[in-house]
Amino acid sequence: MLTQTIDRYLAVRRAAGFRLRTTEGFLRCYARFAAERGEVHVCAQTALDWAALAPSASQRGRRLEAVAIFAQHAQAEDRQHEAPPREVFRRQRLLYRPFIFTENQIRQLLEQAALLPPAGSLRPWTYCTLFSLLAITGLRISEALALRFEDITVDGLLIRQTKFHKSRLVPLHPSAHAGLERYLRRRRSRGGADDHVFISRRGRVLRYQTALETFRFLIRQIGLQPDPGQQSPRPRIHDLRQNAESRKMPSDCRLGLDFSGLAIRACGIVRCLLPAPLEGGGEELSTSAFLEFAKTIRRLHAGSSAVRPRNCRR
């Protein structure tokens, strides 16, 4: 019975646009735990016992939150369901400080990517183009990997059904558009049935894990680490999109990928320097995380000649 209630709950919320992949895993796991106790309704004490099995405080909070929200929904049909108190295990949201890449560090990353084997293959072009797009457009890695040929338009990149199920158009500087077209000519020459812009050596869509492993390999190759004696974050692939408000990309990459010129950012640091909430920020704490390191960004780019967009509010 509890499993059927979970199925209905997930169906209703997914009809409203929520994916709930992690939530489904939590609820299925809780249902099995409750079934072992012979329970067919949500029991507050059982939920607490199950949440307490998580290895970390954050995980315990996430487990309890998922069951509590589900129990509140289930109570509309059956008052025998008990909503557990959320304050027992509070969900902890850690503030994340990104690694801010300098122009020289991005140049080194692209030059190292251009040396990826096998020589003469599409692989070095793929990663040079992928990392360049992340750095100058602010795309999420998942958004870049999901790009298809039809998403490349004269007006920019069409990002479909991304965060909060919204689609948006990301403008490209003409030099970035030209560099992307050079890659696409080589990509199309490889043919294949897959129409994704970025593909693996097997001709299939490039997976996140593959891109992540390659990024980490390149970071080790160029010896990019936090500054000695400082508690700096380690570079992550997601940090490529956390650039300054504008960025000039190197134009002398080994492969000749010219991505020079100011990039028009759809989101990112430009927004975090403003008093308004971040565009696309779903939670108050997420915005505060960006505001936390805004001073660091200002200090790193003090004296920069970058042009501030006209609609920026001070």
Protein backbone atom coordinates (compact mmCIF):
# COMPACT_ATOMS: atom_id res chain seq x y z
CA MET A 1 0.00 0.00 0.00
CA LEU A 2 2.81 2.40 0.84
CA THR A 3 4.46 1.72 -2.52
CA GLN A 4 1.23 2.53 -4.35
CA THR A 5 0.89 5.80 -2.44
CA ILE A 6 4.47 6.68 -3.40
CA ASP A 7 3.67 5.94 -7.06
CA ARG A 8 0.70 8.31 -7.00
CA TYR A 9 2.70 11.00 -5.20
CA LEU A 10 5.52 10.85 -7.75
CA ALA A 11 3.08 10.88 -10.66
CA VAL A 12 1.34 14.01 -9.36
CA ARG A 13 4.53 15.96 -8.74
CA ARG A 14 6.13 14.87 -12.02
CA ALA A 15 3.03 16.04 -13.83
CA ALA A 16 3.82 19.44 -12.32
CA GLY A 17 7.35 19.34 -13.81
CA PHE A 18 9.47 17.90 -10.99
CA ARG A 19 11.93 15.10 -11.80
CA LEU A 20 12.42 13.74 -8.27
CA ARG A 21 15.03 11.14 -9.17
CA THR A 22 16.79 11.40 -5.82
CA THR A 23 13.50 11.70 -3.94
CA GLU A 24 12.20 8.54 -5.56
CA GLY A 25 15.27 6.65 -4.42
CA PHE A 26 14.79 7.86 -0.85
CA LEU A 27 11.10 6.97 -0.78
CA ARG A 28 11.58 3.52 -2.30
CA CYS A 29 14.28 2.80 0.26
CA TYR A 30 12.04 4.00 3.10
CA ALA A 31 9.14 1.88 1.82
CA ARG A 32 11.33 -1.25 1.98
CA PHE A 33 12.47 -0.33 5.48
CA ALA A 34 8.87 0.21 6.63
CA ALA A 35 7.70 -3.02 4.96
CA GLU A 36 10.24 -4.98 7.01
CA ARG A 37 8.44 -3.64 10.09
CA GLY A 38 5.08 -4.57 8.67
CA GLU A 39 3.92 -0.96 8.28
CA VAL A 40 1.63 0.28 5.47
CA HIS A 41 1.53 3.93 6.57
CA VAL A 42 4.23 6.49 7.25
CA CYS A 43 5.24 6.27 10.89
CA ALA A 44 7.16 9.23 12.33
CA GLN A 45 9.42 7.08 14.50
CA THR A 46 10.16 4.70 11.64
CA ALA A 47 11.08 7.66 9.42
CA LEU A 48 13.45 8.95 12.10
CA ASP A 49 15.03 5.52 12.55
CA TRP A 50 15.51 5.15 8.80
CA ALA A 51 16.93 8.66 8.36
CA ALA A 52 19.36 8.06 11.22
CA LEU A 53 21.01 5.26 9.22
CA ALA A 54 22.49 7.79 6.76
CA PRO A 55 26.26 8.29 7.09
CA SER A 56 26.25 12.11 7.28
CA ALA A 57 24.17 14.85 8.89
CA SER A 58 23.35 16.32 5.49
CA GLN A 59 22.16 12.97 4.17
CA ARG A 60 20.03 12.40 7.26
CA GLY A 61 18.40 15.78 6.74
CA ARG A 62 17.69 15.07 3.08
CA ARG A 63 16.16 11.69 3.88
CA LEU A 64 13.88 13.07 6.56
CA GLU A 65 12.84 16.02 4.41
CA ALA A 66 11.82 13.71 1.53
CA VAL A 67 9.66 11.53 3.79
CA ALA A 68 8.12 14.51 5.60
CA ILE A 69 6.98 16.16 2.35
CA PHE A 70 5.62 12.85 1.08
CA ALA A 71 3.76 12.22 4.36
CA GLN A 72 2.08 15.62 4.19
CA HIS A 73 0.85 14.77 0.70
CA ALA A 74 -0.34 11.30 1.77
CA GLN A 75 -2.29 12.72 4.72
CA ALA A 76 -4.72 14.33 2.26
CA GLU A 77 -5.98 10.84 1.42
CA ASP A 78 -5.33 8.99 4.66
CA ARG A 79 -4.90 10.66 8.03
CA GLN A 80 -3.14 7.59 9.41
CA HIS A 81 0.10 8.76 7.80
CA GLU A 82 2.34 10.60 10.27
CA ALA A 83 4.55 13.47 9.15
CA PRO A 84 7.90 13.26 11.00
CA PRO A 85 9.33 16.44 12.56
CA ARG A 86 11.92 17.94 10.22
CA GLU A 87 13.88 19.77 12.93
CA VAL A 88 15.33 16.50 14.28
CA PHE A 89 17.73 16.22 11.34
CA ARG A 90 18.10 19.57 9.63
CA ARG A 91 19.32 19.52 6.08
CA GLN A 92 22.71 21.23 5.86
CA ARG A 93 23.56 23.23 2.77
CA LEU A 94 27.27 23.84 2.44
CA LEU A 95 28.48 27.09 0.91
CA TYR A 96 30.71 26.30 -2.05
CA ARG A 97 33.59 28.50 -3.17
CA PRO A 98 34.47 27.97 -6.83
CA PHE A 99 37.93 27.95 -8.29
CA ILE A 100 38.23 31.10 -10.43
CA PHE A 101 40.28 30.32 -13.53
CA THR A 102 42.58 33.01 -14.85
CA GLU A 103 42.93 33.63 -18.56
CA ASN A 104 46.37 32.02 -18.54
CA GLN A 105 45.07 28.91 -16.77
CA ILE A 106 42.30 28.49 -19.32
CA ARG A 107 44.87 28.90 -22.08
CA GLN A 108 46.99 26.14 -20.54
CA LEU A 109 43.97 23.88 -20.24
CA LEU A 110 43.07 24.33 -23.91
CA GLU A 111 46.64 23.84 -25.08
CA GLN A 112 46.88 20.59 -23.11
CA ALA A 113 43.51 19.46 -24.48
CA ALA A 114 44.86 20.04 -27.98
CA LEU A 115 47.50 17.37 -27.29
CA LEU A 116 45.02 14.65 -26.39
CA PRO A 117 45.46 11.40 -28.33
CA PRO A 118 44.88 9.97 -30.81
CA ALA A 119 46.60 12.50 -33.03
CA GLY A 120 44.49 13.72 -35.93
CA SER A 121 41.25 12.57 -34.30
CA LEU A 122 38.21 14.61 -33.33
CA ARG A 123 38.92 14.15 -29.61
CA PRO A 124 41.25 17.15 -29.05
CA TRP A 125 38.88 19.38 -31.02
CA THR A 126 35.97 18.13 -28.94
CA TYR A 127 37.49 19.02 -25.59
CA CYS A 128 39.01 22.33 -26.73
CA THR A 129 35.60 23.42 -27.99
CA LEU A 130 33.69 22.04 -25.00
CA PHE A 131 35.87 23.71 -22.37
CA SER A 132 35.94 26.97 -24.33
CA LEU A 133 32.16 27.10 -24.48
CA LEU A 134 31.86 26.45 -20.76
CA ALA A 135 34.31 29.25 -20.00
CA ILE A 136 32.86 31.97 -22.25
CA THR A 137 29.12 31.26 -22.11
CA GLY A 138 28.51 30.08 -18.56
CA LEU A 139 26.80 26.90 -19.75
CA ARG A 140 26.43 24.05 -17.32
CA ILE A 141 28.36 20.96 -18.38
CA SER A 142 25.10 19.01 -18.70
CA GLU A 143 23.70 21.70 -21.01
CA ALA A 144 26.76 21.65 -23.25
CA LEU A 145 26.77 17.85 -23.53
CA ALA A 146 23.06 17.88 -24.43
CA LEU A 147 23.53 20.23 -27.39
CA ARG A 148 22.41 18.92 -30.77
CA PHE A 149 23.07 20.25 -34.27
CA GLU A 150 19.64 21.90 -34.42
CA ASP A 151 20.44 23.84 -31.23
CA ILE A 152 23.22 25.79 -32.97
CA THR A 153 21.51 28.82 -34.52
CA VAL A 154 22.66 32.11 -36.02
CA ASP A 155 21.31 33.83 -32.92
CA GLY A 156 23.21 31.62 -30.48
CA LEU A 157 22.84 28.36 -28.58
CA LEU A 158 19.35 27.08 -27.84
CA ILE A 159 19.44 25.45 -24.42
CA ARG A 160 16.39 23.22 -24.04
CA GLN A 161 14.55 22.19 -20.88
CA THR A 162 17.33 23.01 -18.47
CA LYS A 163 17.13 23.98 -14.78
CA PHE A 164 13.52 24.42 -13.64
CA HIS A 165 12.44 23.08 -17.07
CA LYS A 166 13.13 26.38 -18.79
CA SER A 167 14.66 26.91 -22.21
CA ARG A 168 16.83 29.89 -23.09
CA LEU A 169 18.92 31.34 -25.89
CA VAL A 170 22.60 31.98 -25.14
CA PRO A 171 24.12 34.57 -27.52
CA LEU A 172 27.61 33.96 -28.87
CA HIS A 173 30.28 36.46 -29.81
CA PRO A 174 31.05 36.24 -33.58
CA SER A 175 34.55 34.91 -32.85
CA ALA A 176 33.09 32.18 -30.63
CA HIS A 177 30.54 31.34 -33.31
CA ALA A 178 33.33 31.05 -35.90
CA GLY A 179 35.36 28.76 -33.64
CA LEU A 180 32.34 26.57 -33.05
CA GLU A 181 31.67 26.33 -36.78
CA ARG A 182 35.23 25.14 -37.40
CA TYR A 183 34.65 22.36 -34.91
CA LEU A 184 31.24 21.50 -36.40
CA ARG A 185 32.75 21.03 -39.87
CA ARG A 186 35.03 18.36 -38.48
CA ARG A 187 32.27 16.91 -36.32
CA ARG A 188 29.88 16.55 -39.27
CA SER A 189 32.59 14.94 -41.38
CA ARG A 190 32.63 12.07 -38.87
CA GLY A 191 28.99 11.36 -39.72
CA GLY A 192 27.16 8.81 -37.60
CA ALA A 193 23.58 8.51 -36.49
CA ASP A 194 24.04 10.56 -33.30
CA ASP A 195 23.28 14.26 -33.80
CA HIS A 196 24.82 15.46 -30.53
CA VAL A 197 27.42 18.18 -30.97
CA PHE A 198 29.92 16.50 -28.65
CA ILE A 199 30.54 12.79 -29.14
CA SER A 200 32.94 10.21 -27.77
CA ARG A 201 35.53 8.24 -29.72
CA ARG A 202 32.86 5.59 -30.29
CA GLY A 203 30.63 8.10 -32.04
CA ARG A 204 28.06 8.27 -29.24
CA VAL A 205 27.00 11.20 -27.07
CA LEU A 206 29.82 12.30 -24.78
CA ARG A 207 28.97 11.27 -21.22
CA TYR A 208 29.49 13.49 -18.20
CA GLN A 209 31.76 10.98 -16.47
CA THR A 210 34.02 10.76 -19.52
CA ALA A 211 34.28 14.54 -19.77
CA LEU A 212 34.95 14.78 -16.03
CA GLU A 213 37.74 12.22 -16.11
CA THR A 214 39.36 13.96 -19.07
CA PHE A 215 39.13 17.34 -17.32
CA ARG A 216 40.78 15.94 -14.19
CA PHE A 217 43.52 14.36 -16.27
CA LEU A 218 44.26 17.68 -17.98
CA ILE A 219 44.27 19.54 -14.66
CA ARG A 220 46.90 17.13 -13.36
CA GLN A 221 48.93 17.48 -16.55
CA ILE A 222 49.19 21.25 -16.24
CA GLY A 223 49.80 21.01 -12.50
CA LEU A 224 46.90 23.25 -11.57
CA GLN A 225 46.43 23.16 -7.80
CA PRO A 226 45.32 25.61 -5.10
CA ASP A 227 47.90 28.20 -4.06
CA PRO A 228 50.39 26.85 -1.48
CA GLY A 229 49.50 27.74 2.08
CA GLN A 230 46.00 28.90 1.16
CA GLN A 231 42.70 27.17 1.75
CA SER A 232 41.63 27.50 -1.84
CA PRO A 233 39.12 25.22 -3.57
CA ARG A 234 40.31 22.63 -6.04
CA PRO A 235 39.37 23.24 -9.68
CA ARG A 236 36.21 21.45 -10.84
CA ILE A 237 34.75 21.21 -14.30
CA HIS A 238 31.74 23.20 -13.07
CA ASP A 239 34.06 26.08 -12.14
CA LEU A 240 34.79 26.84 -15.78
CA ARG A 241 31.46 28.64 -15.97
CA GLN A 242 32.28 30.80 -12.92
CA ASN A 243 34.29 33.36 -14.82
CA ALA A 244 34.49 37.09 -14.54
CA GLU A 245 31.65 39.17 -15.98
CA SER A 246 33.43 39.18 -19.31
CA ARG A 247 36.30 37.16 -20.66
CA LYS A 248 38.70 37.23 -23.55
CA MET A 249 39.56 33.74 -24.66
CA PRO A 250 42.99 32.94 -26.13
CA SER A 251 43.17 33.09 -29.92
CA ASP A 252 46.40 31.16 -30.41
CA CYS A 253 45.40 27.67 -29.30
CA ARG A 254 47.37 24.93 -31.04
CA LEU A 255 44.29 23.87 -32.96
CA GLY A 256 43.56 27.39 -34.11
CA LEU A 257 40.31 27.71 -32.19
CA ASP A 258 39.71 31.44 -32.09
CA PHE A 259 37.38 32.22 -29.20
CA SER A 260 38.67 35.74 -28.58
CA GLY A 261 36.36 38.61 -27.75
CA LEU A 262 33.98 39.43 -24.96
CA ALA A 263 31.58 36.64 -24.11
CA ILE A 264 27.95 37.55 -23.48
CA ARG A 265 27.05 35.77 -20.27
CA ALA A 266 23.55 34.39 -19.74
CA CYS A 267 24.12 33.94 -16.03
CA GLY A 268 26.92 33.76 -13.49
CA ILE A 269 29.09 36.29 -11.76
CA VAL A 270 27.49 39.31 -13.42
CA ARG A 271 24.31 38.52 -11.54
CA CYS A 272 25.96 37.75 -8.24
CA LEU A 273 27.49 41.21 -8.09
CA LEU A 274 24.01 42.74 -8.26
CA PRO A 275 21.54 43.17 -5.40
CA ALA A 276 18.89 41.18 -7.29
CA PRO A 277 18.79 37.36 -6.80
CA LEU A 278 20.72 35.19 -9.21
CA GLU A 279 18.91 34.36 -12.40
CA GLY A 280 18.00 30.69 -12.18
CA GLY A 281 18.80 30.55 -8.45
CA GLY A 282 16.21 28.33 -6.86
CA GLU A 283 17.08 28.87 -3.23
CA GLU A 284 18.06 31.80 -1.05
CA LEU A 285 21.16 30.01 0.21
CA SER A 286 22.37 29.37 -3.32
CA THR A 287 22.42 33.09 -3.97
CA SER A 288 24.17 33.79 -0.68
CA ALA A 289 26.87 31.31 -1.67
CA PHE A 290 27.67 33.41 -4.73
CA LEU A 291 27.56 36.63 -2.75
CA GLU A 292 30.02 35.08 -0.30
CA PHE A 293 32.83 35.00 -2.85
CA ALA A 294 31.85 38.13 -4.79
CA LYS A 295 34.48 40.10 -2.88
CA THR A 296 37.10 37.56 -3.92
CA ILE A 297 36.16 37.95 -7.56
CA ARG A 298 36.36 41.72 -7.34
CA ARG A 299 39.81 41.46 -5.81
CA LEU A 300 41.06 38.98 -8.42
CA HIS A 301 39.87 41.14 -11.26
CA ALA A 302 40.62 44.54 -9.76
CA GLY A 303 41.82 46.93 -12.38
CA SER A 304 40.41 44.82 -15.21
CA SER A 305 39.47 46.69 -18.40
CA ALA A 306 36.46 44.44 -18.89
CA VAL A 307 33.36 46.26 -20.00
CA ARG A 308 30.49 46.19 -17.52
CA PRO A 309 27.10 45.54 -19.14
CA ARG A 310 24.93 48.65 -19.34
CA ASN A 311 22.07 47.14 -17.37
CA CYS A 312 24.21 46.42 -14.31
CA ARG A 313 22.93 48.06 -11.14
CA ARG A 314 25.40 49.08 -8.49
